[in-house]
Amino acid sequence: KHLTSITNSLELLVDADVYILAVSDDAIPE
């Protein structure tokens, strides 16, 4: 949090050029 904005809400995602999903395989579709 001292480096950048953090959140636990997908509804609060900001606009970006690239969204990198480094999550479990099962979570990728959802």
PDB file of all heavy atoms in Angstrom:
ATOM      1  N   LYS A   1       0.809  -1.223   0.000  1.00  0.00           N
ATOM      2  CA  LYS A   1       0.000   0.000   0.000  1.00  0.00           C
ATOM      3  C   LYS A   1       0.842   1.273   0.000  1.00  0.00           C
ATOM      4  O   LYS A   1       0.344   2.341  -0.362  1.00  0.00           O
ATOM      5  CB  LYS A   1      -0.963  -0.001   1.187  1.00  0.00           C
ATOM      6  CG  LYS A   1      -0.318   0.008   2.552  1.00  0.00           C
ATOM      7  CD  LYS A   1      -1.406  -0.079   3.637  1.00  0.00           C
ATOM      8  CE  LYS A   1      -0.811  -0.105   5.043  1.00  0.00           C
ATOM      9  NZ  LYS A   1      -1.878  -0.233   6.069  1.00  0.00           N
ATOM     10  N   HIS A   2       2.114   1.165   0.382  1.00  0.00           N
ATOM     11  CA  HIS A   2       2.984   2.338   0.311  1.00  0.00           C
ATOM     12  C   HIS A   2       3.554   2.525  -1.091  1.00  0.00           C
ATOM     13  O   HIS A   2       4.192   3.551  -1.374  1.00  0.00           O
ATOM     14  CB  HIS A   2       4.130   2.219   1.327  1.00  0.00           C
ATOM     15  CG  HIS A   2       5.106   1.124   1.016  1.00  0.00           C
ATOM     16  ND1 HIS A   2       4.789  -0.212   1.125  1.00  0.00           N
ATOM     17  CD2 HIS A   2       6.395   1.178   0.575  1.00  0.00           C
ATOM     18  CE1 HIS A   2       5.841  -0.934   0.790  1.00  0.00           C
ATOM     19  NE2 HIS A   2       6.820  -0.124   0.442  1.00  0.00           N
ATOM     20  N   LEU A   3       3.305   1.543  -1.974  1.00  0.00           N
ATOM     21  CA  LEU A   3       3.789   1.626  -3.350  1.00  0.00           C
ATOM     22  C   LEU A   3       2.704   2.062  -4.330  1.00  0.00           C
ATOM     23  O   LEU A   3       2.978   2.777  -5.290  1.00  0.00           O
ATOM     24  CB  LEU A   3       4.346   0.267  -3.808  1.00  0.00           C
ATOM     25  CG  LEU A   3       5.435  -0.392  -2.964  1.00  0.00           C
ATOM     26  CD1 LEU A   3       5.848  -1.718  -3.599  1.00  0.00           C
ATOM     27  CD2 LEU A   3       6.638   0.536  -2.823  1.00  0.00           C
ATOM     28  N   THR A   4       1.476   1.619  -4.074  1.00  0.00           N
ATOM     29  CA  THR A   4       0.400   1.872  -5.016  1.00  0.00           C
ATOM     30  C   THR A   4      -0.949   1.702  -4.328  1.00  0.00           C
ATOM     31  O   THR A   4      -1.012   1.318  -3.155  1.00  0.00           O
ATOM     32  CB  THR A   4       0.493   0.907  -6.216  1.00  0.00           C
ATOM     33  OG1 THR A   4      -0.451   1.292  -7.217  1.00  0.00           O
ATOM     34  CG2 THR A   4       0.237  -0.533  -5.795  1.00  0.00           C
ATOM     35  N   SER A   5      -2.011   1.936  -5.084  1.00  0.00           N
ATOM     36  CA  SER A   5      -3.360   1.738  -4.553  1.00  0.00           C
ATOM     37  C   SER A   5      -3.663   0.249  -4.459  1.00  0.00           C
ATOM     38  O   SER A   5      -3.309  -0.523  -5.359  1.00  0.00           O
ATOM     39  CB  SER A   5      -4.383   2.416  -5.474  1.00  0.00           C
ATOM     40  OG  SER A   5      -5.699   2.040  -5.147  1.00  0.00           O
ATOM     41  N   ILE A   6      -4.313  -0.170  -3.380  1.00  0.00           N
ATOM     42  CA  ILE A   6      -4.717  -1.567  -3.244  1.00  0.00           C
ATOM     43  C   ILE A   6      -6.221  -1.634  -2.995  1.00  0.00           C
ATOM     44  O   ILE A   6      -6.822  -0.691  -2.472  1.00  0.00           O
ATOM     45  CB  ILE A   6      -3.959  -2.282  -2.102  1.00  0.00           C
ATOM     46  CG1 ILE A   6      -4.295  -1.664  -0.740  1.00  0.00           C
ATOM     47  CG2 ILE A   6      -2.465  -2.274  -2.359  1.00  0.00           C
ATOM     48  CD1 ILE A   6      -3.721  -2.444   0.440  1.00  0.00           C
ATOM     49  N   THR A   7      -6.828  -2.747  -3.390  1.00  0.00           N
ATOM     50  CA  THR A   7      -8.266  -2.913  -3.205  1.00  0.00           C
ATOM     51  C   THR A   7      -8.619  -4.391  -3.141  1.00  0.00           C
ATOM     52  O   THR A   7      -7.874  -5.241  -3.644  1.00  0.00           O
ATOM     53  CB  THR A   7      -9.058  -2.251  -4.352  1.00  0.00           C
ATOM     54  OG1 THR A   7     -10.467  -2.379  -4.100  1.00  0.00           O
ATOM     55  CG2 THR A   7      -8.735  -2.906  -5.686  1.00  0.00           C
ATOM     56  N   ASN A   8      -9.753  -4.686  -2.542  1.00  0.00           N
ATOM     57  CA  ASN A   8     -10.294  -6.049  -2.562  1.00  0.00           C
ATOM     58  C   ASN A   8     -11.660  -6.072  -3.240  1.00  0.00           C
ATOM     59  O   ASN A   8     -12.437  -7.001  -3.066  1.00  0.00           O
ATOM     60  CB  ASN A   8     -10.391  -6.633  -1.150  1.00  0.00           C
ATOM     61  CG  ASN A   8     -11.326  -5.837  -0.255  1.00  0.00           C
ATOM     62  OD1 ASN A   8     -11.813  -4.765  -0.629  1.00  0.00           O
ATOM     63  ND2 ASN A   8     -11.586  -6.358   0.938  1.00  0.00           N
ATOM     64  N   SER A   9     -11.937  -5.047  -4.035  1.00  0.00           N
ATOM     65  CA  SER A   9     -13.208  -4.943  -4.762  1.00  0.00           C
ATOM     66  C   SER A   9     -12.946  -4.809  -6.260  1.00  0.00           C
ATOM     67  O   SER A   9     -12.310  -3.840  -6.705  1.00  0.00           O
ATOM     68  CB  SER A   9     -14.013  -3.742  -4.266  1.00  0.00           C
ATOM     69  OG  SER A   9     -15.144  -3.532  -5.083  1.00  0.00           O
ATOM     70  N   LEU A  10     -13.451  -5.757  -7.043  1.00  0.00           N
ATOM     71  CA  LEU A  10     -13.294  -5.673  -8.497  1.00  0.00           C
ATOM     72  C   LEU A  10     -14.072  -4.495  -9.071  1.00  0.00           C
ATOM     73  O   LEU A  10     -13.737  -3.987 -10.149  1.00  0.00           O
ATOM     74  CB  LEU A  10     -13.761  -6.981  -9.141  1.00  0.00           C
ATOM     75  CG  LEU A  10     -12.886  -8.209  -8.867  1.00  0.00           C
ATOM     76  CD1 LEU A  10     -13.560  -9.474  -9.377  1.00  0.00           C
ATOM     77  CD2 LEU A  10     -11.517  -8.048  -9.510  1.00  0.00           C
ATOM     78  N   GLU A  11     -15.095  -4.058  -8.375  1.00  0.00           N
ATOM     79  CA  GLU A  11     -15.882  -2.913  -8.833  1.00  0.00           C
ATOM     80  C   GLU A  11     -15.100  -1.609  -8.740  1.00  0.00           C
ATOM     81  O   GLU A  11     -15.464  -0.612  -9.381  1.00  0.00           O
ATOM     82  CB  GLU A  11     -17.169  -2.803  -8.007  1.00  0.00           C
ATOM     83  CG  GLU A  11     -18.114  -3.993  -8.183  1.00  0.00           C
ATOM     84  CD  GLU A  11     -19.350  -3.862  -7.319  1.00  0.00           C
ATOM     85  OE1 GLU A  11     -19.423  -2.901  -6.531  1.00  0.00           O
ATOM     86  OE2 GLU A  11     -20.235  -4.731  -7.431  1.00  0.00           O
ATOM     87  N   LEU A  12     -14.022  -1.612  -7.956  1.00  0.00           N
ATOM     88  CA  LEU A  12     -13.220  -0.397  -7.773  1.00  0.00           C
ATOM     89  C   LEU A  12     -11.949  -0.395  -8.618  1.00  0.00           C
ATOM     90  O   LEU A  12     -11.075   0.456  -8.420  1.00  0.00           O
ATOM     91  CB  LEU A  12     -12.864  -0.234  -6.292  1.00  0.00           C
ATOM     92  CG  LEU A  12     -14.041  -0.014  -5.337  1.00  0.00           C
ATOM     93  CD1 LEU A  12     -13.549   0.128  -3.903  1.00  0.00           C
ATOM     94  CD2 LEU A  12     -14.854   1.215  -5.743  1.00  0.00           C
ATOM     95  N   LEU A  13     -11.834  -1.337  -9.547  1.00  0.00           N
ATOM     96  CA  LEU A  13     -10.657  -1.357 -10.411  1.00  0.00           C
ATOM     97  C   LEU A  13     -10.613  -0.093 -11.262  1.00  0.00           C
ATOM     98  O   LEU A  13     -11.622   0.341 -11.815  1.00  0.00           O
ATOM     99  CB  LEU A  13     -10.672  -2.589 -11.321  1.00  0.00           C
ATOM    100  CG  LEU A  13     -10.463  -3.954 -10.672  1.00  0.00           C
ATOM    101  CD1 LEU A  13     -10.441  -5.041 -11.743  1.00  0.00           C
ATOM    102  CD2 LEU A  13      -9.188  -3.994  -9.842  1.00  0.00           C
ATOM    103  N   VAL A  14      -9.423   0.478 -11.389  1.00  0.00           N
ATOM    104  CA  VAL A  14      -9.249   1.699 -12.175  1.00  0.00           C
ATOM    105  C   VAL A  14      -8.937   1.331 -13.628  1.00  0.00           C
ATOM    106  O   VAL A  14      -8.626   0.179 -13.949  1.00  0.00           O
ATOM    107  CB  VAL A  14      -8.122   2.570 -11.589  1.00  0.00           C
ATOM    108  CG1 VAL A  14      -8.492   3.022 -10.185  1.00  0.00           C
ATOM    109  CG2 VAL A  14      -6.798   1.808 -11.566  1.00  0.00           C
ATOM    110  N   ASP A  15      -9.013   2.316 -14.504  1.00  0.00           N
ATOM    111  CA  ASP A  15      -8.714   2.091 -15.917  1.00  0.00           C
ATOM    112  C   ASP A  15      -7.209   1.918 -16.110  1.00  0.00           C
ATOM    113  O   ASP A  15      -6.405   2.683 -15.557  1.00  0.00           O
ATOM    114  CB  ASP A  15      -9.206   3.260 -16.761  1.00  0.00           C
ATOM    115  CG  ASP A  15     -10.728   3.350 -16.790  1.00  0.00           C
ATOM    116  OD1 ASP A  15     -11.374   2.295 -16.639  1.00  0.00           O
ATOM    117  OD2 ASP A  15     -11.264   4.460 -16.951  1.00  0.00           O
ATOM    118  N   ALA A  16      -6.851   0.929 -16.908  1.00  0.00           N
ATOM    119  CA  ALA A  16      -5.439   0.643 -17.145  1.00  0.00           C
ATOM    120  C   ALA A  16      -5.243   0.127 -18.561  1.00  0.00           C
ATOM    121  O   ALA A  16      -6.205  -0.241 -19.251  1.00  0.00           O
ATOM    122  CB  ALA A  16      -4.933  -0.387 -16.134  1.00  0.00           C
ATOM    123  N   ASP A  17      -3.977   0.089 -18.993  1.00  0.00           N
ATOM    124  CA  ASP A  17      -3.659  -0.456 -20.317  1.00  0.00           C
ATOM    125  C   ASP A  17      -3.663  -1.977 -20.296  1.00  0.00           C
ATOM    126  O   ASP A  17      -4.076  -2.620 -21.255  1.00  0.00           O
ATOM    127  CB  ASP A  17      -2.281   0.038 -20.772  1.00  0.00           C
ATOM    128  CG  ASP A  17      -2.225   1.549 -20.925  1.00  0.00           C
ATOM    129  OD1 ASP A  17      -3.132   2.111 -21.571  1.00  0.00           O
ATOM    130  OD2 ASP A  17      -1.285   2.160 -20.384  1.00  0.00           O
ATOM    131  N   VAL A  18      -3.203  -2.560 -19.186  1.00  0.00           N
ATOM    132  CA  VAL A  18      -3.119  -4.019 -19.063  1.00  0.00           C
ATOM    133  C   VAL A  18      -3.556  -4.441 -17.665  1.00  0.00           C
ATOM    134  O   VAL A  18      -3.135  -3.838 -16.668  1.00  0.00           O
ATOM    135  CB  VAL A  18      -1.689  -4.534 -19.320  1.00  0.00           C
ATOM    136  CG1 VAL A  18      -1.649  -6.062 -19.245  1.00  0.00           C
ATOM    137  CG2 VAL A  18      -1.156  -4.063 -20.668  1.00  0.00           C
ATOM    138  N   TYR A  19      -4.393  -5.466 -17.608  1.00  0.00           N
ATOM    139  CA  TYR A  19      -4.806  -6.078 -16.350  1.00  0.00           C
ATOM    140  C   TYR A  19      -4.187  -7.473 -16.306  1.00  0.00           C
ATOM    141  O   TYR A  19      -4.483  -8.325 -17.154  1.00  0.00           O
ATOM    142  CB  TYR A  19      -6.328  -6.185 -16.251  1.00  0.00           C
ATOM    143  CG  TYR A  19      -7.029  -4.849 -16.243  1.00  0.00           C
ATOM    144  CD1 TYR A  19      -7.349  -4.204 -17.431  1.00  0.00           C
ATOM    145  CD2 TYR A  19      -7.368  -4.221 -15.042  1.00  0.00           C
ATOM    146  CE1 TYR A  19      -7.981  -2.971 -17.438  1.00  0.00           C
ATOM    147  CE2 TYR A  19      -8.004  -2.988 -15.035  1.00  0.00           C
ATOM    148  CZ  TYR A  19      -8.299  -2.366 -16.237  1.00  0.00           C
ATOM    149  OH  TYR A  19      -8.919  -1.143 -16.229  1.00  0.00           O
ATOM    150  N   ILE A  20      -3.306  -7.710 -15.336  1.00  0.00           N
ATOM    151  CA  ILE A  20      -2.598  -8.985 -15.235  1.00  0.00           C
ATOM    152  C   ILE A  20      -3.247  -9.837 -14.158  1.00  0.00           C
ATOM    153  O   ILE A  20      -3.177  -9.516 -12.969  1.00  0.00           O
ATOM    154  CB  ILE A  20      -1.108  -8.766 -14.919  1.00  0.00           C
ATOM    155  CG1 ILE A  20      -0.453  -7.886 -15.985  1.00  0.00           C
ATOM    156  CG2 ILE A  20      -0.384 -10.106 -14.816  1.00  0.00           C
ATOM    157  CD1 ILE A  20       1.005  -7.554 -15.698  1.00  0.00           C
ATOM    158  N   LEU A  21      -3.866 -10.944 -14.575  1.00  0.00           N
ATOM    159  CA  LEU A  21      -4.541 -11.848 -13.641  1.00  0.00           C
ATOM    160  C   LEU A  21      -3.564 -12.927 -13.183  1.00  0.00           C
ATOM    161  O   LEU A  21      -3.359 -13.930 -13.872  1.00  0.00           O
ATOM    162  CB  LEU A  21      -5.754 -12.508 -14.295  1.00  0.00           C
ATOM    163  CG  LEU A  21      -7.072 -11.712 -14.290  1.00  0.00           C
ATOM    164  CD1 LEU A  21      -6.937 -10.435 -15.101  1.00  0.00           C
ATOM    165  CD2 LEU A  21      -8.198 -12.568 -14.850  1.00  0.00           C
ATOM    166  N   ALA A  22      -2.934 -12.698 -12.043  1.00  0.00           N
ATOM    167  CA  ALA A  22      -2.030 -13.690 -11.457  1.00  0.00           C
ATOM    168  C   ALA A  22      -2.792 -14.405 -10.349  1.00  0.00           C
ATOM    169  O   ALA A  22      -2.514 -14.235  -9.156  1.00  0.00           O
ATOM    170  CB  ALA A  22      -0.771 -13.013 -10.923  1.00  0.00           C
ATOM    171  N   VAL A  23      -3.773 -15.197 -10.770  1.00  0.00           N
ATOM    172  CA  VAL A  23      -4.679 -15.876  -9.837  1.00  0.00           C
ATOM    173  C   VAL A  23      -4.675 -17.371 -10.139  1.00  0.00           C
ATOM    174  O   VAL A  23      -4.058 -17.821 -11.112  1.00  0.00           O
ATOM    175  CB  VAL A  23      -6.109 -15.309  -9.954  1.00  0.00           C
ATOM    176  CG1 VAL A  23      -6.121 -13.832  -9.578  1.00  0.00           C
ATOM    177  CG2 VAL A  23      -6.668 -15.497 -11.366  1.00  0.00           C
ATOM    178  N   SER A  24      -5.389 -18.145  -9.329  1.00  0.00           N
ATOM    179  CA  SER A  24      -5.471 -19.589  -9.574  1.00  0.00           C
ATOM    180  C   SER A  24      -6.180 -19.855 -10.900  1.00  0.00           C
ATOM    181  O   SER A  24      -6.998 -19.045 -11.362  1.00  0.00           O
ATOM    182  CB  SER A  24      -6.225 -20.273  -8.433  1.00  0.00           C
ATOM    183  OG  SER A  24      -7.579 -19.857  -8.411  1.00  0.00           O
ATOM    184  N   ASP A  25      -5.885 -20.996 -11.500  1.00  0.00           N
ATOM    185  CA  ASP A  25      -6.473 -21.334 -12.794  1.00  0.00           C
ATOM    186  C   ASP A  25      -8.002 -21.306 -12.755  1.00  0.00           C
ATOM    187  O   ASP A  25      -8.658 -20.797 -13.675  1.00  0.00           O
ATOM    188  CB  ASP A  25      -6.001 -22.727 -13.239  1.00  0.00           C
ATOM    189  CG  ASP A  25      -4.520 -22.755 -13.568  1.00  0.00           C
ATOM    190  OD1 ASP A  25      -3.875 -21.686 -13.530  1.00  0.00           O
ATOM    191  OD2 ASP A  25      -4.000 -23.848 -13.854  1.00  0.00           O
ATOM    192  N   ASP A  26      -8.566 -21.841 -11.686  1.00  0.00           N
ATOM    193  CA  ASP A  26     -10.025 -21.918 -11.571  1.00  0.00           C
ATOM    194  C   ASP A  26     -10.678 -20.547 -11.473  1.00  0.00           C
ATOM    195  O   ASP A  26     -11.845 -20.384 -11.824  1.00  0.00           O
ATOM    196  CB  ASP A  26     -10.418 -22.756 -10.348  1.00  0.00           C
ATOM    197  CG  ASP A  26     -10.070 -24.229 -10.513  1.00  0.00           C
ATOM    198  OD1 ASP A  26      -9.862 -24.657 -11.670  1.00  0.00           O
ATOM    199  OD2 ASP A  26      -9.989 -24.935  -9.497  1.00  0.00           O
ATOM    200  N   ALA A  27      -9.937 -19.564 -10.991  1.00  0.00           N
ATOM    201  CA  ALA A  27     -10.504 -18.232 -10.783  1.00  0.00           C
ATOM    202  C   ALA A  27     -10.453 -17.357 -12.036  1.00  0.00           C
ATOM    203  O   ALA A  27     -11.107 -16.313 -12.083  1.00  0.00           O
ATOM    204  CB  ALA A  27      -9.781 -17.533  -9.637  1.00  0.00           C
ATOM    205  N   ILE A  28      -9.712 -17.767 -13.046  1.00  0.00           N
ATOM    206  CA  ILE A  28      -9.521 -16.930 -14.239  1.00  0.00           C
ATOM    207  C   ILE A  28     -10.838 -16.590 -14.941  1.00  0.00           C
ATOM    208  O   ILE A  28     -11.097 -15.408 -15.232  1.00  0.00           O
ATOM    209  CB  ILE A  28      -8.521 -17.592 -15.207  1.00  0.00           C
ATOM    210  CG1 ILE A  28      -7.116 -17.552 -14.609  1.00  0.00           C
ATOM    211  CG2 ILE A  28      -8.529 -16.898 -16.574  1.00  0.00           C
ATOM    212  CD1 ILE A  28      -6.086 -18.354 -15.382  1.00  0.00           C
ATOM    213  N   PRO A  29     -11.697 -17.570 -15.241  1.00  0.00           N
ATOM    214  CA  PRO A  29     -12.948 -17.231 -15.934  1.00  0.00           C
ATOM    215  C   PRO A  29     -13.827 -16.257 -15.154  1.00  0.00           C
ATOM    216  O   PRO A  29     -14.327 -15.266 -15.715  1.00  0.00           O
ATOM    217  CB  PRO A  29     -13.638 -18.591 -16.103  1.00  0.00           C
ATOM    218  CG  PRO A  29     -12.530 -19.588 -16.067  1.00  0.00           C
ATOM    219  CD  PRO A  29     -11.547 -19.032 -15.080  1.00  0.00           C
ATOM    220  N   GLU A  30     -14.002 -16.519 -13.876  1.00  0.00           N
ATOM    221  CA  GLU A  30     -14.895 -15.689 -13.068  1.00  0.00           C
ATOM    222  C   GLU A  30     -14.380 -14.261 -12.933  1.00  0.00           C
ATOM    223  O   GLU A  30     -15.126 -13.300 -13.145  1.00  0.00           O
ATOM    224  CB  GLU A  30     -15.067 -16.300 -11.675  1.00  0.00           C
ATOM    225  CG  GLU A  30     -15.979 -15.477 -10.776  1.00  0.00           C
ATOM    226  CD  GLU A  30     -16.064 -16.034  -9.367  1.00  0.00           C
ATOM    227  OE1 GLU A  30     -15.432 -17.074  -9.108  1.00  0.00           O
ATOM    228  OE2 GLU A  30     -16.763 -15.421  -8.545  1.00  0.00           O
TER     229      GLU A  30
END
